[in-house]
Amino acid sequence: MEEEESEEELEEEVSEIDPSAIISGGRRTRGVKVDYTSKEALEKAGLKPEDSDDDEDEDMKQMDDQ
């Protein structure tokens, strides 16, 4: 009885997958190194190179001053 229920659940889950969301053509993204600090990436995110994550350093300086 449990086997039949699990098969039905699996069929329901598979039917919910949108085939148009599946990337075809063999384009693999696994193992690809992405440079999030590149000029293109920063522009795409609406950031400037000066806006990098230096906030942490500022906090550390303030703590050192105390």
PDB file of N, CA and C in Angstrom:
ATOM      1  N   MET A   1       0.821  -1.190   0.000  1.00  0.00           N
ATOM      2  CA  MET A   1       0.000   0.000   0.000  1.00  0.00           C
ATOM      3  C   MET A   1       0.874   1.266   0.000  1.00  0.00           C
ATOM      4  N   GLU A   2       1.932   1.251   0.812  1.00  0.00           N
ATOM      5  CA  GLU A   2       2.811   2.413   0.868  1.00  0.00           C
ATOM      6  C   GLU A   2       3.522   2.633  -0.461  1.00  0.00           C
ATOM      7  N   GLU A   3       3.879   1.547  -1.127  1.00  0.00           N
ATOM      8  CA  GLU A   3       4.564   1.653  -2.408  1.00  0.00           C
ATOM      9  C   GLU A   3       3.707   2.377  -3.432  1.00  0.00           C
ATOM     10  N   GLU A   4       2.435   2.059  -3.470  1.00  0.00           N
ATOM     11  CA  GLU A   4       1.524   2.689  -4.422  1.00  0.00           C
ATOM     12  C   GLU A   4       1.390   4.177  -4.128  1.00  0.00           C
ATOM     13  N   GLU A   5       1.297   4.530  -2.863  1.00  0.00           N
ATOM     14  CA  GLU A   5       1.160   5.934  -2.490  1.00  0.00           C
ATOM     15  C   GLU A   5       2.411   6.716  -2.878  1.00  0.00           C
ATOM     16  N   SER A   6       3.577   6.161  -2.631  1.00  0.00           N
ATOM     17  CA  SER A   6       4.806   6.880  -2.949  1.00  0.00           C
ATOM     18  C   SER A   6       4.970   7.046  -4.458  1.00  0.00           C
ATOM     19  N   GLU A   7       4.539   6.051  -5.236  1.00  0.00           N
ATOM     20  CA  GLU A   7       4.602   6.180  -6.690  1.00  0.00           C
ATOM     21  C   GLU A   7       3.665   7.277  -7.173  1.00  0.00           C
ATOM     22  N   GLU A   8       2.489   7.360  -6.570  1.00  0.00           N
ATOM     23  CA  GLU A   8       1.536   8.406  -6.946  1.00  0.00           C
ATOM     24  C   GLU A   8       2.090   9.782  -6.595  1.00  0.00           C
ATOM     25  N   GLU A   9       2.698   9.891  -5.422  1.00  0.00           N
ATOM     26  CA  GLU A   9       3.286  11.164  -5.013  1.00  0.00           C
ATOM     27  C   GLU A   9       4.399  11.570  -5.972  1.00  0.00           C
ATOM     28  N   LEU A  10       5.214  10.616  -6.364  1.00  0.00           N
ATOM     29  CA  LEU A  10       6.310  10.896  -7.291  1.00  0.00           C
ATOM     30  C   LEU A  10       5.767  11.389  -8.628  1.00  0.00           C
ATOM     31  N   GLU A  11       4.723  10.754  -9.117  1.00  0.00           N
ATOM     32  CA  GLU A  11       4.114  11.174 -10.378  1.00  0.00           C
ATOM     33  C   GLU A  11       3.589  12.599 -10.272  1.00  0.00           C
ATOM     34  N   GLU A  12       2.992  12.944  -9.128  1.00  0.00           N
ATOM     35  CA  GLU A  12       2.488  14.301  -8.930  1.00  0.00           C
ATOM     36  C   GLU A  12       3.641  15.305  -8.931  1.00  0.00           C
ATOM     37  N   GLU A  13       4.727  14.968  -8.240  1.00  0.00           N
ATOM     38  CA  GLU A  13       5.876  15.866  -8.176  1.00  0.00           C
ATOM     39  C   GLU A  13       6.480  16.085  -9.557  1.00  0.00           C
ATOM     40  N   VAL A  14       6.598  15.034 -10.325  1.00  0.00           N
ATOM     41  CA  VAL A  14       7.183  15.125 -11.658  1.00  0.00           C
ATOM     42  C   VAL A  14       6.284  15.945 -12.571  1.00  0.00           C
ATOM     43  N   SER A  15       4.990  15.817 -12.419  1.00  0.00           N
ATOM     44  CA  SER A  15       4.075  16.564 -13.278  1.00  0.00           C
ATOM     45  C   SER A  15       4.130  18.061 -12.991  1.00  0.00           C
ATOM     46  N   GLU A  16       4.634  18.442 -11.812  1.00  0.00           N
ATOM     47  CA  GLU A  16       4.729  19.854 -11.446  1.00  0.00           C
ATOM     48  C   GLU A  16       5.968  20.529 -12.029  1.00  0.00           C
ATOM     49  N   ILE A  17       6.895  19.774 -12.583  1.00  0.00           N
ATOM     50  CA  ILE A  17       8.125  20.336 -13.151  1.00  0.00           C
ATOM     51  C   ILE A  17       7.804  20.996 -14.483  1.00  0.00           C
ATOM     52  N   ASP A  18       8.251  22.232 -14.637  1.00  0.00           N
ATOM     53  CA  ASP A  18       8.032  22.977 -15.874  1.00  0.00           C
ATOM     54  C   ASP A  18       9.155  22.642 -16.852  1.00  0.00           C
ATOM     55  N   PRO A  19       8.851  21.924 -17.931  1.00  0.00           N
ATOM     56  CA  PRO A  19       9.901  21.532 -18.885  1.00  0.00           C
ATOM     57  C   PRO A  19      10.625  22.717 -19.518  1.00  0.00           C
ATOM     58  N   SER A  20       9.999  23.873 -19.585  1.00  0.00           N
ATOM     59  CA  SER A  20      10.658  25.032 -20.193  1.00  0.00           C
ATOM     60  C   SER A  20      11.773  25.580 -19.306  1.00  0.00           C
ATOM     61  N   ALA A  21      11.796  25.185 -18.027  1.00  0.00           N
ATOM     62  CA  ALA A  21      12.826  25.661 -17.112  1.00  0.00           C
ATOM     63  C   ALA A  21      14.098  24.824 -17.185  1.00  0.00           C
ATOM     64  N   ILE A  22      14.052  23.734 -17.921  1.00  0.00           N
ATOM     65  CA  ILE A  22      15.207  22.850 -18.030  1.00  0.00           C
ATOM     66  C   ILE A  22      16.145  23.385 -19.109  1.00  0.00           C
ATOM     67  N   ILE A  23      17.410  23.585 -18.747  1.00  0.00           N
ATOM     68  CA  ILE A  23      18.405  24.098 -19.685  1.00  0.00           C
ATOM     69  C   ILE A  23      18.898  22.947 -20.545  1.00  0.00           C
ATOM     70  N   SER A  24      18.782  23.109 -21.846  1.00  0.00           N
ATOM     71  CA  SER A  24      19.280  22.072 -22.748  1.00  0.00           C
ATOM     72  C   SER A  24      20.506  22.602 -23.483  1.00  0.00           C
ATOM     73  N   GLY A  25      21.162  21.749 -24.195  1.00  0.00           N
ATOM     74  CA  GLY A  25      22.322  22.190 -24.959  1.00  0.00           C
ATOM     75  C   GLY A  25      23.635  21.895 -24.274  1.00  0.00           C
ATOM     76  N   GLY A  26      23.585  21.253 -23.132  1.00  0.00           N
ATOM     77  CA  GLY A  26      24.808  20.841 -22.471  1.00  0.00           C
ATOM     78  C   GLY A  26      25.558  21.956 -21.772  1.00  0.00           C
ATOM     79  N   ARG A  27      24.954  23.096 -21.572  1.00  0.00           N
ATOM     80  CA  ARG A  27      25.629  24.191 -20.873  1.00  0.00           C
ATOM     81  C   ARG A  27      25.756  23.820 -19.400  1.00  0.00           C
ATOM     82  N   ARG A  28      26.964  23.658 -18.940  1.00  0.00           N
ATOM     83  CA  ARG A  28      27.189  23.252 -17.555  1.00  0.00           C
ATOM     84  C   ARG A  28      27.668  24.446 -16.746  1.00  0.00           C
ATOM     85  N   THR A  29      27.138  24.557 -15.547  1.00  0.00           N
ATOM     86  CA  THR A  29      27.549  25.642 -14.671  1.00  0.00           C
ATOM     87  C   THR A  29      28.293  25.125 -13.452  1.00  0.00           C
ATOM     88  N   ARG A  30      28.300  23.830 -13.263  1.00  0.00           N
ATOM     89  CA  ARG A  30      28.958  23.257 -12.095  1.00  0.00           C
ATOM     90  C   ARG A  30      30.467  23.413 -12.226  1.00  0.00           C
ATOM     91  N   GLY A  31      31.106  23.930 -11.198  1.00  0.00           N
ATOM     92  CA  GLY A  31      32.550  24.055 -11.202  1.00  0.00           C
ATOM     93  C   GLY A  31      33.069  25.313 -11.875  1.00  0.00           C
ATOM     94  N   VAL A  32      32.191  26.147 -12.404  1.00  0.00           N
ATOM     95  CA  VAL A  32      32.611  27.371 -13.074  1.00  0.00           C
ATOM     96  C   VAL A  32      32.896  28.434 -12.012  1.00  0.00           C
ATOM     97  N   LYS A  33      34.048  29.044 -12.099  1.00  0.00           N
ATOM     98  CA  LYS A  33      34.407  30.115 -11.164  1.00  0.00           C
ATOM     99  C   LYS A  33      33.796  31.420 -11.650  1.00  0.00           C
ATOM    100  N   VAL A  34      33.086  32.107 -10.762  1.00  0.00           N
ATOM    101  CA  VAL A  34      32.436  33.361 -11.105  1.00  0.00           C
ATOM    102  C   VAL A  34      33.122  34.480 -10.338  1.00  0.00           C
ATOM    103  N   ASP A  35      33.507  35.533 -11.056  1.00  0.00           N
ATOM    104  CA  ASP A  35      34.152  36.684 -10.435  1.00  0.00           C
ATOM    105  C   ASP A  35      33.092  37.740 -10.158  1.00  0.00           C
ATOM    106  N   TYR A  36      32.630  37.789  -8.921  1.00  0.00           N
ATOM    107  CA  TYR A  36      31.587  38.740  -8.558  1.00  0.00           C
ATOM    108  C   TYR A  36      32.134  40.151  -8.375  1.00  0.00           C
ATOM    109  N   THR A  37      33.435  40.322  -8.453  1.00  0.00           N
ATOM    110  CA  THR A  37      34.024  41.645  -8.296  1.00  0.00           C
ATOM    111  C   THR A  37      34.360  42.285  -9.634  1.00  0.00           C
ATOM    112  N   SER A  38      34.019  41.616 -10.729  1.00  0.00           N
ATOM    113  CA  SER A  38      34.325  42.177 -12.040  1.00  0.00           C
ATOM    114  C   SER A  38      33.473  43.419 -12.291  1.00  0.00           C
ATOM    115  N   LYS A  39      33.932  44.256 -13.185  1.00  0.00           N
ATOM    116  CA  LYS A  39      33.227  45.496 -13.509  1.00  0.00           C
ATOM    117  C   LYS A  39      31.809  45.200 -13.992  1.00  0.00           C
ATOM    118  N   GLU A  40      31.668  44.173 -14.844  1.00  0.00           N
ATOM    119  CA  GLU A  40      30.350  43.805 -15.373  1.00  0.00           C
ATOM    120  C   GLU A  40      29.403  43.379 -14.261  1.00  0.00           C
ATOM    121  N   ALA A  41      29.890  42.564 -13.336  1.00  0.00           N
ATOM    122  CA  ALA A  41      29.046  42.068 -12.254  1.00  0.00           C
ATOM    123  C   ALA A  41      28.601  43.211 -11.348  1.00  0.00           C
ATOM    124  N   LEU A  42      29.517  44.113 -11.049  1.00  0.00           N
ATOM    125  CA  LEU A  42      29.172  45.243 -10.190  1.00  0.00           C
ATOM    126  C   LEU A  42      28.146  46.149 -10.862  1.00  0.00           C
ATOM    127  N   GLU A  43      28.310  46.398 -12.164  1.00  0.00           N
ATOM    128  CA  GLU A  43      27.352  47.229 -12.891  1.00  0.00           C
ATOM    129  C   GLU A  43      25.977  46.570 -12.928  1.00  0.00           C
ATOM    130  N   LYS A  44      25.959  45.264 -13.139  1.00  0.00           N
ATOM    131  CA  LYS A  44      24.698  44.526 -13.191  1.00  0.00           C
ATOM    132  C   LYS A  44      23.962  44.619 -11.851  1.00  0.00           C
ATOM    133  N   ALA A  45      24.723  44.643 -10.755  1.00  0.00           N
ATOM    134  CA  ALA A  45      24.138  44.732  -9.421  1.00  0.00           C
ATOM    135  C   ALA A  45      23.839  46.174  -9.027  1.00  0.00           C
ATOM    136  N   GLY A  46      24.241  47.120  -9.858  1.00  0.00           N
ATOM    137  CA  GLY A  46      24.004  48.523  -9.547  1.00  0.00           C
ATOM    138  C   GLY A  46      24.972  49.069  -8.517  1.00  0.00           C
ATOM    139  N   LEU A  47      26.147  48.479  -8.429  1.00  0.00           N
ATOM    140  CA  LEU A  47      27.153  48.912  -7.464  1.00  0.00           C
ATOM    141  C   LEU A  47      28.337  49.534  -8.176  1.00  0.00           C
ATOM    142  N   LYS A  48      29.112  50.282  -7.429  1.00  0.00           N
ATOM    143  CA  LYS A  48      30.349  50.851  -7.942  1.00  0.00           C
ATOM    144  C   LYS A  48      31.500  50.085  -7.304  1.00  0.00           C
ATOM    145  N   PRO A  49      32.654  50.051  -7.946  1.00  0.00           N
ATOM    146  CA  PRO A  49      33.790  49.331  -7.357  1.00  0.00           C
ATOM    147  C   PRO A  49      34.131  49.810  -5.947  1.00  0.00           C
ATOM    148  N   GLU A  50      33.887  51.065  -5.648  1.00  0.00           N
ATOM    149  CA  GLU A  50      34.176  51.603  -4.319  1.00  0.00           C
ATOM    150  C   GLU A  50      33.203  51.066  -3.278  1.00  0.00           C
ATOM    151  N   ASP A  51      32.038  50.563  -3.726  1.00  0.00           N
ATOM    152  CA  ASP A  51      31.011  50.077  -2.812  1.00  0.00           C
ATOM    153  C   ASP A  51      31.279  48.651  -2.339  1.00  0.00           C
ATOM    154  N   SER A  52      32.471  48.161  -2.545  1.00  0.00           N
ATOM    155  CA  SER A  52      32.758  46.774  -2.171  1.00  0.00           C
ATOM    156  C   SER A  52      32.542  46.572  -0.677  1.00  0.00           C
ATOM    157  N   ASP A  53      32.624  45.359  -0.232  1.00  0.00           N
ATOM    158  CA  ASP A  53      32.279  45.003   1.141  1.00  0.00           C
ATOM    159  C   ASP A  53      33.384  45.392   2.117  1.00  0.00           C
ATOM    160  N   ASP A  54      33.620  46.692   2.247  1.00  0.00           N
ATOM    161  CA  ASP A  54      34.625  47.189   3.175  1.00  0.00           C
ATOM    162  C   ASP A  54      34.003  47.618   4.493  1.00  0.00           C
ATOM    163  N   ASP A  55      32.703  47.423   4.643  1.00  0.00           N
ATOM    164  CA  ASP A  55      32.022  47.815   5.872  1.00  0.00           C
ATOM    165  C   ASP A  55      32.627  47.105   7.078  1.00  0.00           C
ATOM    166  N   GLU A  56      33.007  45.872   6.891  1.00  0.00           N
ATOM    167  CA  GLU A  56      33.578  45.093   7.969  1.00  0.00           C
ATOM    168  C   GLU A  56      34.856  45.749   8.478  1.00  0.00           C
ATOM    169  N   ASP A  57      35.681  46.243   7.571  1.00  0.00           N
ATOM    170  CA  ASP A  57      36.928  46.879   7.953  1.00  0.00           C
ATOM    171  C   ASP A  57      36.670  48.139   8.770  1.00  0.00           C
ATOM    172  N   GLU A  58      35.665  48.915   8.386  1.00  0.00           N
ATOM    173  CA  GLU A  58      35.337  50.133   9.113  1.00  0.00           C
ATOM    174  C   GLU A  58      34.907  49.808  10.533  1.00  0.00           C
ATOM    175  N   ASP A  59      34.113  48.757  10.703  1.00  0.00           N
ATOM    176  CA  ASP A  59      33.677  48.354  12.035  1.00  0.00           C
ATOM    177  C   ASP A  59      34.874  47.958  12.889  1.00  0.00           C
ATOM    178  N   MET A  60      35.810  47.274  12.293  1.00  0.00           N
ATOM    179  CA  MET A  60      36.985  46.841  13.032  1.00  0.00           C
ATOM    180  C   MET A  60      37.818  48.040  13.470  1.00  0.00           C
ATOM    181  N   LYS A  61      37.924  49.055  12.629  1.00  0.00           N
ATOM    182  CA  LYS A  61      38.681  50.248  12.988  1.00  0.00           C
ATOM    183  C   LYS A  61      38.019  50.954  14.159  1.00  0.00           C
ATOM    184  N   GLN A  62      36.699  51.042  14.147  1.00  0.00           N
ATOM    185  CA  GLN A  62      35.974  51.689  15.232  1.00  0.00           C
ATOM    186  C   GLN A  62      36.180  50.938  16.538  1.00  0.00           C
ATOM    187  N   MET A  63      36.198  49.635  16.490  1.00  0.00           N
ATOM    188  CA  MET A  63      36.394  48.841  17.695  1.00  0.00           C
ATOM    189  C   MET A  63      37.811  49.020  18.223  1.00  0.00           C
ATOM    190  N   ASP A  64      38.784  49.159  17.321  1.00  0.00           N
ATOM    191  CA  ASP A  64      40.167  49.349  17.730  1.00  0.00           C
ATOM    192  C   ASP A  64      40.360  50.699  18.411  1.00  0.00           C
ATOM    193  N   ASP A  65      39.595  51.709  17.991  1.00  0.00           N
ATOM    194  CA  ASP A  65      39.723  53.050  18.542  1.00  0.00           C
ATOM    195  C   ASP A  65      39.240  53.121  19.984  1.00  0.00           C
ATOM    196  N   GLN A  66      38.369  52.242  20.381  1.00  0.00           N
ATOM    197  CA  GLN A  66      37.774  52.301  21.730  1.00  0.00           C
ATOM    198  C   GLN A  66      38.713  51.863  22.796  1.00  0.00           C
TER     199      GLN A  66
END
